[in-house]
PDB file of all heavy atoms in Angstrom:
ATOM      1  N   ALA A   1       0.053  -9.388  12.726  1.00  0.00           N
ATOM      2  CA  ALA A   1       0.925  -9.059  13.909  1.00  0.00           C
ATOM      3  C   ALA A   1       1.960 -10.115  14.131  1.00  0.00           C
ATOM      4  O   ALA A   1       2.793 -10.011  15.081  1.00  0.00           O
ATOM      5  CB  ALA A   1       0.002  -9.038  15.091  1.00  0.00           C
ATOM      6  N   LEU A   2       2.003 -11.193  13.289  1.00  0.00           N
ATOM      7  CA  LEU A   2       3.003 -12.262  13.487  1.00  0.00           C
ATOM      8  C   LEU A   2       4.480 -11.738  13.328  1.00  0.00           C
ATOM      9  O   LEU A   2       5.366 -12.281  14.086  1.00  0.00           O
ATOM     10  CB  LEU A   2       2.813 -13.435  12.533  1.00  0.00           C
ATOM     11  CG  LEU A   2       1.538 -14.227  12.820  1.00  0.00           C
ATOM     12  CD1 LEU A   2       1.313 -15.274  11.769  1.00  0.00           C
ATOM     13  CD2 LEU A   2       1.715 -14.925  14.214  1.00  0.00           C
ATOM     14  N   PRO A   3       5.000 -11.012  12.471  1.00  0.00           N
ATOM     15  CA  PRO A   3       4.256 -10.329  11.397  1.00  0.00           C
ATOM     16  C   PRO A   3       4.210 -11.170  10.055  1.00  0.00           C
ATOM     17  O   PRO A   3       5.390 -11.724   9.725  1.00  0.00           O
ATOM     18  CB  PRO A   3       5.038  -9.077  11.248  1.00  0.00           C
ATOM     19  CG  PRO A   3       6.389  -9.455  11.551  1.00  0.00           C
ATOM     20  CD  PRO A   3       6.267 -10.597  12.565  1.00  0.00           C
ATOM     21  N   ALA A   4       3.183 -11.138   9.325  1.00  0.00           N
ATOM     22  CA  ALA A   4       3.144 -11.732   7.974  1.00  0.00           C
ATOM     23  C   ALA A   4       2.558 -10.613   7.086  1.00  0.00           C
ATOM     24  O   ALA A   4       1.657  -9.811   7.585  1.00  0.00           O
ATOM     25  CB  ALA A   4       2.222 -12.988   7.999  1.00  0.00           C
ATOM     26  N   ARG A   5       2.849 -10.593   5.906  1.00  0.00           N
ATOM     27  CA  ARG A   5       2.190  -9.746   4.893  1.00  0.00           C
ATOM     28  C   ARG A   5       0.939 -10.412   4.557  1.00  0.00           C
ATOM     29  O   ARG A   5       0.961 -11.617   4.161  1.00  0.00           O
ATOM     30  CB  ARG A   5       3.089  -9.418   3.804  1.00  0.00           C
ATOM     31  CG  ARG A   5       2.484  -8.421   2.842  1.00  0.00           C
ATOM     32  CD  ARG A   5       3.414  -8.016   1.582  1.00  0.00           C
ATOM     33  NE  ARG A   5       4.602  -7.375   2.183  1.00  0.00           N
ATOM     34  CZ  ARG A   5       5.694  -7.316   1.450  1.00  0.00           C
ATOM     35  NH1 ARG A   5       5.798  -7.775   0.279  1.00  0.00           N
ATOM     36  NH2 ARG A   5       6.741  -6.690   2.031  1.00  0.00           N
ATOM     37  N   VAL A   6      -0.225  -9.698   4.589  1.00  0.00           N
ATOM     38  CA  VAL A   6      -1.474 -10.331   4.172  1.00  0.00           C
ATOM     39  C   VAL A   6      -2.125  -9.462   3.122  1.00  0.00           C
ATOM     40  O   VAL A   6      -2.324  -8.238   3.308  1.00  0.00           O
ATOM     41  CB  VAL A   6      -2.470 -10.331   5.431  1.00  0.00           C
ATOM     42  CG1 VAL A   6      -3.771 -10.938   5.028  1.00  0.00           C
ATOM     43  CG2 VAL A   6      -1.797 -11.174   6.562  1.00  0.00           C
ATOM     44  N   THR A   7      -2.503 -10.086   2.090  1.00  0.00           N
ATOM     45  CA  THR A   7      -3.201  -9.529   0.998  1.00  0.00           C
ATOM     46  C   THR A   7      -4.514 -10.342   0.890  1.00  0.00           C
ATOM     47  O   THR A   7      -4.408 -11.548   0.697  1.00  0.00           O
ATOM     48  CB  THR A   7      -2.489  -9.485  -0.329  1.00  0.00           C
ATOM     49  OG1 THR A   7      -1.233  -8.834  -0.117  1.00  0.00           O
ATOM     50  CG2 THR A   7      -3.267  -8.738  -1.374  1.00  0.00           C
ATOM     51  N   ALA A   8      -5.686  -9.682   1.052  1.00  0.00           N
ATOM     52  CA  ALA A   8      -6.932 -10.493   1.012  1.00  0.00           C
ATOM     53  C   ALA A   8      -7.845  -9.793   0.068  1.00  0.00           C
ATOM     54  O   ALA A   8      -7.910  -8.496   0.035  1.00  0.00           O
ATOM     55  CB  ALA A   8      -7.482 -10.532   2.318  1.00  0.00           C
ATOM     56  N   SER A   9      -8.783 -10.528  -0.543  1.00  0.00           N
ATOM     57  CA  SER A   9      -9.756  -9.970  -1.422  1.00  0.00           C
ATOM     58  C   SER A   9     -10.990  -9.426  -0.801  1.00  0.00           C
ATOM     59  O   SER A   9     -11.833  -8.818  -1.373  1.00  0.00           O
ATOM     60  CB  SER A   9     -10.231 -11.020  -2.497  1.00  0.00           C
ATOM     61  OG  SER A   9     -10.904 -12.135  -1.839  1.00  0.00           O
ATOM     62  N   ALA A  10     -11.021  -9.427   0.624  1.00  0.00           N
ATOM     63  CA  ALA A  10     -12.026  -8.847   1.474  1.00  0.00           C
ATOM     64  C   ALA A  10     -11.427  -8.597   2.789  1.00  0.00           C
ATOM     65  O   ALA A  10     -10.489  -9.163   3.174  1.00  0.00           O
ATOM     66  CB  ALA A  10     -13.276  -9.857   1.554  1.00  0.00           C
ATOM     67  N   PRO A  11     -12.092  -7.624   3.545  1.00  0.00           N
ATOM     68  CA  PRO A  11     -11.436  -7.264   4.858  1.00  0.00           C
ATOM     69  C   PRO A  11     -11.730  -8.280   5.857  1.00  0.00           C
ATOM     70  O   PRO A  11     -11.096  -8.220   6.981  1.00  0.00           O
ATOM     71  CB  PRO A  11     -12.175  -5.956   5.163  1.00  0.00           C
ATOM     72  CG  PRO A  11     -13.460  -5.989   4.332  1.00  0.00           C
ATOM     73  CD  PRO A  11     -13.157  -6.770   3.122  1.00  0.00           C
ATOM     74  N   ARG A  12     -12.595  -9.183   5.735  1.00  0.00           N
ATOM     75  CA  ARG A  12     -12.962 -10.200   6.765  1.00  0.00           C
ATOM     76  C   ARG A  12     -12.974 -11.546   6.100  1.00  0.00           C
ATOM     77  O   ARG A  12     -13.351 -11.755   4.954  1.00  0.00           O
ATOM     78  CB  ARG A  12     -14.307  -9.863   7.326  1.00  0.00           C
ATOM     79  CG  ARG A  12     -14.581 -10.361   8.745  1.00  0.00           C
ATOM     80  CD  ARG A  12     -15.686  -9.587   9.390  1.00  0.00           C
ATOM     81  NE  ARG A  12     -15.977 -10.049  10.640  1.00  0.00           N
ATOM     82  CZ  ARG A  12     -15.399  -9.671  11.742  1.00  0.00           C
ATOM     83  NH1 ARG A  12     -14.534  -8.712  11.779  1.00  0.00           N
ATOM     84  NH2 ARG A  12     -15.707 -10.148  12.861  1.00  0.00           N
ATOM     85  N   ALA A  13     -12.638 -12.571   6.895  1.00  0.00           N
ATOM     86  CA  ALA A  13     -12.560 -13.949   6.339  1.00  0.00           C
ATOM     87  C   ALA A  13     -14.053 -14.451   6.134  1.00  0.00           C
ATOM     88  O   ALA A  13     -14.813 -14.563   7.079  1.00  0.00           O
ATOM     89  CB  ALA A  13     -11.847 -14.849   7.327  1.00  0.00           C
ATOM     90  N   VAL A  14     -14.334 -14.790   4.934  1.00  0.00           N
ATOM     91  CA  VAL A  14     -15.638 -15.502   4.583  1.00  0.00           C
ATOM     92  C   VAL A  14     -15.254 -16.513   3.436  1.00  0.00           C
ATOM     93  O   VAL A  14     -14.190 -16.325   2.766  1.00  0.00           O
ATOM     94  CB  VAL A  14     -16.819 -14.582   4.117  1.00  0.00           C
ATOM     95  CG1 VAL A  14     -17.175 -13.666   5.237  1.00  0.00           C
ATOM     96  CG2 VAL A  14     -16.381 -13.782   2.867  1.00  0.00           C
ATOM     97  N   ALA A  15     -16.043 -17.486   3.287  1.00  0.00           N
ATOM     98  CA  ALA A  15     -15.789 -18.541   2.313  1.00  0.00           C
ATOM     99  C   ALA A  15     -15.604 -17.841   0.939  1.00  0.00           C
ATOM    100  O   ALA A  15     -16.352 -17.037   0.527  1.00  0.00           O
ATOM    101  CB  ALA A  15     -16.904 -19.533   2.218  1.00  0.00           C
ATOM    102  N   GLY A  16     -14.471 -18.286   0.308  1.00  0.00           N
ATOM    103  CA  GLY A  16     -14.184 -17.742  -1.039  1.00  0.00           C
ATOM    104  C   GLY A  16     -13.191 -16.671  -1.131  1.00  0.00           C
ATOM    105  O   GLY A  16     -12.766 -16.397  -2.248  1.00  0.00           O
ATOM    106  N   VAL A  17     -12.921 -16.031  -0.012  1.00  0.00           N
ATOM    107  CA  VAL A  17     -11.932 -14.918  -0.032  1.00  0.00           C
ATOM    108  C   VAL A  17     -10.565 -15.465  -0.354  1.00  0.00           C
ATOM    109  O   VAL A  17     -10.187 -16.433   0.185  1.00  0.00           O
ATOM    110  CB  VAL A  17     -11.859 -14.169   1.376  1.00  0.00           C
ATOM    111  CG1 VAL A  17     -10.752 -13.293   1.484  1.00  0.00           C
ATOM    112  CG2 VAL A  17     -13.196 -13.440   1.624  1.00  0.00           C
ATOM    113  N   VAL A  18      -9.850 -14.777  -1.208  1.00  0.00           N
ATOM    114  CA  VAL A  18      -8.502 -15.211  -1.588  1.00  0.00           C
ATOM    115  C   VAL A  18      -7.559 -14.464  -0.758  1.00  0.00           C
ATOM    116  O   VAL A  18      -7.699 -13.239  -0.547  1.00  0.00           O
ATOM    117  CB  VAL A  18      -8.204 -14.905  -3.053  1.00  0.00           C
ATOM    118  CG1 VAL A  18      -6.775 -15.207  -3.467  1.00  0.00           C
ATOM    119  CG2 VAL A  18      -9.153 -15.739  -3.993  1.00  0.00           C
ATOM    120  N   VAL A  19      -6.600 -15.135  -0.122  1.00  0.00           N
ATOM    121  CA  VAL A  19      -5.629 -14.591   0.816  1.00  0.00           C
ATOM    122  C   VAL A  19      -4.266 -14.977   0.352  1.00  0.00           C
ATOM    123  O   VAL A  19      -4.012 -16.251   0.031  1.00  0.00           O
ATOM    124  CB  VAL A  19      -5.894 -15.139   2.295  1.00  0.00           C
ATOM    125  CG1 VAL A  19      -4.954 -14.537   3.238  1.00  0.00           C
ATOM    126  CG2 VAL A  19      -7.293 -14.869   2.686  1.00  0.00           C
ATOM    127  N   GLU A  20      -3.358 -14.101   0.277  1.00  0.00           N
ATOM    128  CA  GLU A  20      -1.936 -14.479   0.201  1.00  0.00           C
ATOM    129  C   GLU A  20      -1.154 -13.991   1.494  1.00  0.00           C
ATOM    130  O   GLU A  20      -1.196 -12.785   1.821  1.00  0.00           O
ATOM    131  CB  GLU A  20      -1.280 -13.796  -1.074  1.00  0.00           C
ATOM    132  CG  GLU A  20       0.203 -14.226  -1.232  1.00  0.00           C
ATOM    133  CD  GLU A  20       0.776 -13.844  -2.485  1.00  0.00           C
ATOM    134  OE1 GLU A  20       0.443 -14.433  -3.517  1.00  0.00           O
ATOM    135  OE2 GLU A  20       1.587 -12.908  -2.455  1.00  0.00           O
ATOM    136  N   LEU A  21      -0.588 -14.923   2.101  1.00  0.00           N
ATOM    137  CA  LEU A  21       0.278 -14.713   3.192  1.00  0.00           C
ATOM    138  C   LEU A  21       1.645 -14.810   2.779  1.00  0.00           C
ATOM    139  O   LEU A  21       2.018 -15.705   2.025  1.00  0.00           O
ATOM    140  CB  LEU A  21       0.024 -15.724   4.319  1.00  0.00           C
ATOM    141  CG  LEU A  21      -1.372 -15.859   4.853  1.00  0.00           C
ATOM    142  CD1 LEU A  21      -1.619 -17.012   5.826  1.00  0.00           C
ATOM    143  CD2 LEU A  21      -1.794 -14.617   5.640  1.00  0.00           C
ATOM    144  N   SER A  22       2.541 -13.893   3.230  1.00  0.00           N
ATOM    145  CA  SER A  22       3.985 -14.054   2.977  1.00  0.00           C
ATOM    146  C   SER A  22       4.765 -13.691   4.130  1.00  0.00           C
ATOM    147  O   SER A  22       4.420 -12.856   4.918  1.00  0.00           O
ATOM    148  CB  SER A  22       4.281 -13.187   1.730  1.00  0.00           C
ATOM    149  OG  SER A  22       3.927 -11.804   1.885  1.00  0.00           O
ATOM    150  N   LEU A  23       5.831 -14.550   4.291  1.00  0.00           N
ATOM    151  CA  LEU A  23       6.679 -14.490   5.487  1.00  0.00           C
ATOM    152  C   LEU A  23       8.159 -14.273   4.999  1.00  0.00           C
ATOM    153  O   LEU A  23       8.502 -14.873   3.894  1.00  0.00           O
ATOM    154  CB  LEU A  23       6.539 -15.688   6.370  1.00  0.00           C
ATOM    155  CG  LEU A  23       5.271 -15.871   7.039  1.00  0.00           C
ATOM    156  CD1 LEU A  23       5.208 -17.349   7.604  1.00  0.00           C
ATOM    157  CD2 LEU A  23       5.054 -14.882   8.175  1.00  0.00           C
ATOM    158  N   GLY A  24       8.964 -13.673   5.790  1.00  0.00           N
ATOM    159  CA  GLY A  24      10.338 -13.535   5.481  1.00  0.00           C
ATOM    160  C   GLY A  24      10.746 -12.183   4.930  1.00  0.00           C
ATOM    161  O   GLY A  24       9.857 -11.447   4.472  1.00  0.00           O
ATOM    162  N   PRO A  25      12.051 -11.902   5.004  1.00  0.00           N
ATOM    163  CA  PRO A  25      12.598 -10.610   4.599  1.00  0.00           C
ATOM    164  C   PRO A  25      12.888 -10.603   3.113  1.00  0.00           C
ATOM    165  O   PRO A  25      13.396 -11.527   2.508  1.00  0.00           O
ATOM    166  CB  PRO A  25      13.817 -10.406   5.384  1.00  0.00           C
ATOM    167  CG  PRO A  25      14.333 -11.867   5.634  1.00  0.00           C
ATOM    168  CD  PRO A  25      13.134 -12.731   5.725  1.00  0.00           C
ATOM    169  N   GLY A  26      12.561  -9.496   2.478  1.00  0.00           N
ATOM    170  CA  GLY A  26      12.953  -9.132   1.084  1.00  0.00           C
ATOM    171  C   GLY A  26      12.849 -10.257   0.108  1.00  0.00           C
ATOM    172  O   GLY A  26      11.923 -10.926  -0.133  1.00  0.00           O
ATOM    173  N   PRO A  27      14.048 -10.543  -0.509  1.00  0.00           N
ATOM    174  CA  PRO A  27      14.213 -11.669  -1.533  1.00  0.00           C
ATOM    175  C   PRO A  27      13.969 -13.104  -0.903  1.00  0.00           C
ATOM    176  O   PRO A  27      13.755 -13.971  -1.701  1.00  0.00           O
ATOM    177  CB  PRO A  27      15.557 -11.485  -2.012  1.00  0.00           C
ATOM    178  CG  PRO A  27      16.342 -10.781  -1.074  1.00  0.00           C
ATOM    179  CD  PRO A  27      15.460  -9.975  -0.225  1.00  0.00           C
ATOM    180  N   LEU A  28      13.932 -13.216   0.366  1.00  0.00           N
ATOM    181  CA  LEU A  28      13.792 -14.475   0.978  1.00  0.00           C
ATOM    182  C   LEU A  28      12.274 -14.750   1.397  1.00  0.00           C
ATOM    183  O   LEU A  28      11.921 -15.756   1.848  1.00  0.00           O
ATOM    184  CB  LEU A  28      14.560 -14.698   2.298  1.00  0.00           C
ATOM    185  CG  LEU A  28      16.196 -14.577   2.107  1.00  0.00           C
ATOM    186  CD1 LEU A  28      16.829 -14.670   3.465  1.00  0.00           C
ATOM    187  CD2 LEU A  28      16.621 -15.579   1.148  1.00  0.00           C
ATOM    188  N   ARG A  29      11.448 -13.731   1.036  1.00  0.00           N
ATOM    189  CA  ARG A  29      10.035 -13.856   1.320  1.00  0.00           C
ATOM    190  C   ARG A  29       9.426 -15.007   0.547  1.00  0.00           C
ATOM    191  O   ARG A  29       9.646 -15.123  -0.590  1.00  0.00           O
ATOM    192  CB  ARG A  29       9.393 -12.505   1.034  1.00  0.00           C
ATOM    193  CG  ARG A  29       7.850 -12.454   1.350  1.00  0.00           C
ATOM    194  CD  ARG A  29       7.312 -11.068   1.171  1.00  0.00           C
ATOM    195  NE  ARG A  29       7.902 -10.121   2.080  1.00  0.00           N
ATOM    196  CZ  ARG A  29       7.533  -9.928   3.387  1.00  0.00           C
ATOM    197  NH1 ARG A  29       6.692 -10.710   3.915  1.00  0.00           N
ATOM    198  NH2 ARG A  29       8.173  -9.067   4.077  1.00  0.00           N
ATOM    199  N   VAL A  30       8.559 -15.739   1.335  1.00  0.00           N
ATOM    200  CA  VAL A  30       7.953 -16.909   0.698  1.00  0.00           C
ATOM    201  C   VAL A  30       6.396 -16.631   0.732  1.00  0.00           C
ATOM    202  O   VAL A  30       5.771 -16.273   1.773  1.00  0.00           O
ATOM    203  CB  VAL A  30       8.178 -18.239   1.556  1.00  0.00           C
ATOM    204  CG1 VAL A  30       7.324 -19.367   0.985  1.00  0.00           C
ATOM    205  CG2 VAL A  30       9.648 -18.570   1.529  1.00  0.00           C
ATOM    206  N   ALA A  31       5.788 -16.616  -0.455  1.00  0.00           N
ATOM    207  CA  ALA A  31       4.377 -16.291  -0.580  1.00  0.00           C
ATOM    208  C   ALA A  31       3.589 -17.638  -0.505  1.00  0.00           C
ATOM    209  O   ALA A  31       4.038 -18.720  -1.016  1.00  0.00           O
ATOM    210  CB  ALA A  31       4.131 -15.586  -1.928  1.00  0.00           C
TER     211      ALA A  31
END
């Protein structure tokens, strides 16, 4: 809702879950 793009290896945060957050528009997006 920030909005950030979130890709996670599980639907809920638990130890070991890999998460990639990315912010910014298009080619300026920072992963």
